[in-house]
Amino acid sequence: MDNSIYALIVLSLCLGAGCWLVFLWAVRKGEFDDMERPKHRMLDDDDEEGR
């Protein structure tokens, strides 16, 4: 029984480290740069192009 607990602890640490690495990769790629701008883009005026 002790061996299975140790295996589960190691497995959970490896899974947590993998998720952390994927998160860091996404941050460096720029996935979380601007969360607010895309939902407000439809409210911008398009008349500035004709000026």
N, C-alpha and C. Protein backbone atom coordinates (compact mmCIF):
# COMPACT_ATOMS: atom_id res chain seq x y z
N MET A 1 0.82 -1.19 0.00
CA MET A 1 0.00 0.00 0.00
C MET A 1 0.87 1.26 0.00
N ASP A 2 1.97 1.24 0.68
CA ASP A 2 2.85 2.41 0.71
C ASP A 2 3.42 2.71 -0.67
N ASN A 3 3.70 1.67 -1.45
CA ASN A 3 4.26 1.88 -2.78
C ASN A 3 3.27 2.61 -3.69
N SER A 4 1.99 2.29 -3.57
CA SER A 4 1.00 2.94 -4.42
C SER A 4 0.84 4.41 -4.03
N ILE A 5 0.95 4.72 -2.75
CA ILE A 5 0.85 6.12 -2.32
C ILE A 5 2.03 6.92 -2.85
N TYR A 6 3.22 6.35 -2.78
CA TYR A 6 4.40 7.03 -3.31
C TYR A 6 4.29 7.22 -4.82
N ALA A 7 3.77 6.23 -5.51
CA ALA A 7 3.60 6.34 -6.96
C ALA A 7 2.59 7.43 -7.29
N LEU A 8 1.50 7.53 -6.53
CA LEU A 8 0.51 8.57 -6.79
C LEU A 8 1.05 9.96 -6.48
N ILE A 9 1.88 10.08 -5.47
CA ILE A 9 2.49 11.38 -5.15
C ILE A 9 3.42 11.81 -6.28
N VAL A 10 4.24 10.90 -6.76
CA VAL A 10 5.15 11.21 -7.87
C VAL A 10 4.36 11.54 -9.13
N LEU A 11 3.31 10.79 -9.40
CA LEU A 11 2.48 11.05 -10.58
C LEU A 11 1.82 12.42 -10.50
N SER A 12 1.31 12.78 -9.33
CA SER A 12 0.66 14.09 -9.19
C SER A 12 1.67 15.23 -9.32
N LEU A 13 2.88 15.05 -8.82
CA LEU A 13 3.90 16.09 -8.98
C LEU A 13 4.30 16.24 -10.44
N CYS A 14 4.42 15.14 -11.15
CA CYS A 14 4.76 15.21 -12.58
C CYS A 14 3.63 15.88 -13.37
N LEU A 15 2.40 15.55 -13.05
CA LEU A 15 1.26 16.16 -13.74
C LEU A 15 1.17 17.65 -13.44
N GLY A 16 1.40 18.04 -12.20
CA GLY A 16 1.39 19.45 -11.84
C GLY A 16 2.50 20.23 -12.53
N ALA A 17 3.69 19.63 -12.60
CA ALA A 17 4.81 20.29 -13.28
C ALA A 17 4.52 20.42 -14.77
N GLY A 18 3.89 19.42 -15.36
CA GLY A 18 3.54 19.50 -16.78
C GLY A 18 2.53 20.60 -17.05
N CYS A 19 1.53 20.72 -16.20
CA CYS A 19 0.54 21.80 -16.36
C CYS A 19 1.19 23.17 -16.19
N TRP A 20 2.10 23.30 -15.24
CA TRP A 20 2.80 24.56 -15.03
C TRP A 20 3.65 24.93 -16.25
N LEU A 21 4.30 23.95 -16.85
CA LEU A 21 5.10 24.21 -18.05
C LEU A 21 4.24 24.64 -19.22
N VAL A 22 3.07 24.03 -19.38
CA VAL A 22 2.15 24.43 -20.46
C VAL A 22 1.66 25.85 -20.22
N PHE A 23 1.38 26.20 -18.97
CA PHE A 23 0.96 27.56 -18.65
C PHE A 23 2.06 28.57 -18.96
N LEU A 24 3.29 28.28 -18.57
CA LEU A 24 4.39 29.19 -18.87
C LEU A 24 4.62 29.33 -20.37
N TRP A 25 4.46 28.25 -21.11
CA TRP A 25 4.60 28.31 -22.57
C TRP A 25 3.53 29.22 -23.16
N ALA A 26 2.29 29.13 -22.67
CA ALA A 26 1.21 29.96 -23.18
C ALA A 26 1.43 31.43 -22.83
N VAL A 27 1.97 31.71 -21.65
CA VAL A 27 2.24 33.11 -21.27
C VAL A 27 3.33 33.69 -22.15
N ARG A 28 4.38 32.93 -22.41
CA ARG A 28 5.46 33.43 -23.26
C ARG A 28 5.04 33.58 -24.71
N LYS A 29 4.08 32.78 -25.14
CA LYS A 29 3.57 32.87 -26.51
C LYS A 29 2.67 34.09 -26.68
N GLY A 30 2.13 34.61 -25.58
CA GLY A 30 1.31 35.81 -25.64
C GLY A 30 -0.17 35.55 -25.65
N GLU A 31 -0.60 34.41 -25.16
CA GLU A 31 -2.01 34.06 -25.17
C GLU A 31 -2.83 34.90 -24.19
N PHE A 32 -2.21 35.45 -23.17
CA PHE A 32 -2.94 36.17 -22.14
C PHE A 32 -2.61 37.66 -22.14
N ASP A 33 -2.14 38.20 -23.25
CA ASP A 33 -1.72 39.60 -23.29
C ASP A 33 -2.88 40.57 -23.09
N ASP A 34 -3.89 40.48 -23.92
CA ASP A 34 -4.98 41.45 -23.87
C ASP A 34 -6.31 40.71 -23.86
N MET A 35 -6.92 40.63 -22.70
CA MET A 35 -8.18 39.90 -22.56
C MET A 35 -9.38 40.82 -22.76
N GLU A 36 -9.22 42.13 -22.61
CA GLU A 36 -10.35 43.06 -22.66
C GLU A 36 -10.60 43.63 -24.05
N ARG A 37 -9.57 43.86 -24.82
CA ARG A 37 -9.71 44.57 -26.10
C ARG A 37 -10.58 43.84 -27.12
N PRO A 38 -10.48 42.54 -27.31
CA PRO A 38 -11.29 41.91 -28.35
C PRO A 38 -12.80 42.05 -28.15
N LYS A 39 -13.28 42.06 -26.92
CA LYS A 39 -14.73 42.16 -26.75
C LYS A 39 -15.24 43.59 -26.90
N HIS A 40 -14.35 44.58 -26.88
CA HIS A 40 -14.76 45.97 -27.09
C HIS A 40 -14.48 46.45 -28.51
N ARG A 41 -13.87 45.62 -29.33
CA ARG A 41 -13.49 46.03 -30.68
C ARG A 41 -14.71 46.34 -31.55
N MET A 42 -15.84 45.66 -31.32
CA MET A 42 -17.02 45.89 -32.15
C MET A 42 -17.65 47.26 -31.88
N LEU A 43 -17.29 47.90 -30.77
CA LEU A 43 -17.85 49.20 -30.44
C LEU A 43 -17.05 50.36 -31.04
N ASP A 44 -15.89 50.08 -31.59
CA ASP A 44 -15.07 51.14 -32.18
C ASP A 44 -15.73 51.69 -33.44
N ASP A 45 -15.51 52.98 -33.67
CA ASP A 45 -16.02 53.61 -34.88
C ASP A 45 -15.13 53.27 -36.06
N ASP A 46 -15.75 52.94 -37.17
CA ASP A 46 -15.00 52.66 -38.39
C ASP A 46 -14.90 53.89 -39.29
N ASP A 47 -15.43 55.04 -38.83
CA ASP A 47 -15.42 56.25 -39.64
C ASP A 47 -14.05 56.88 -39.74
N GLU A 48 -13.11 56.50 -38.91
CA GLU A 48 -11.78 57.10 -38.93
C GLU A 48 -11.02 56.76 -40.19
N GLU A 49 -11.37 55.66 -40.86
CA GLU A 49 -10.67 55.28 -42.09
C GLU A 49 -11.00 56.21 -43.23
N GLY A 50 -12.20 56.81 -43.23
CA GLY A 50 -12.61 57.67 -44.34
C GLY A 50 -12.15 59.09 -44.21
N ARG A 51 -11.55 59.47 -43.13
CA ARG A 51 -11.12 60.86 -42.91
C ARG A 51 -9.89 61.21 -43.65
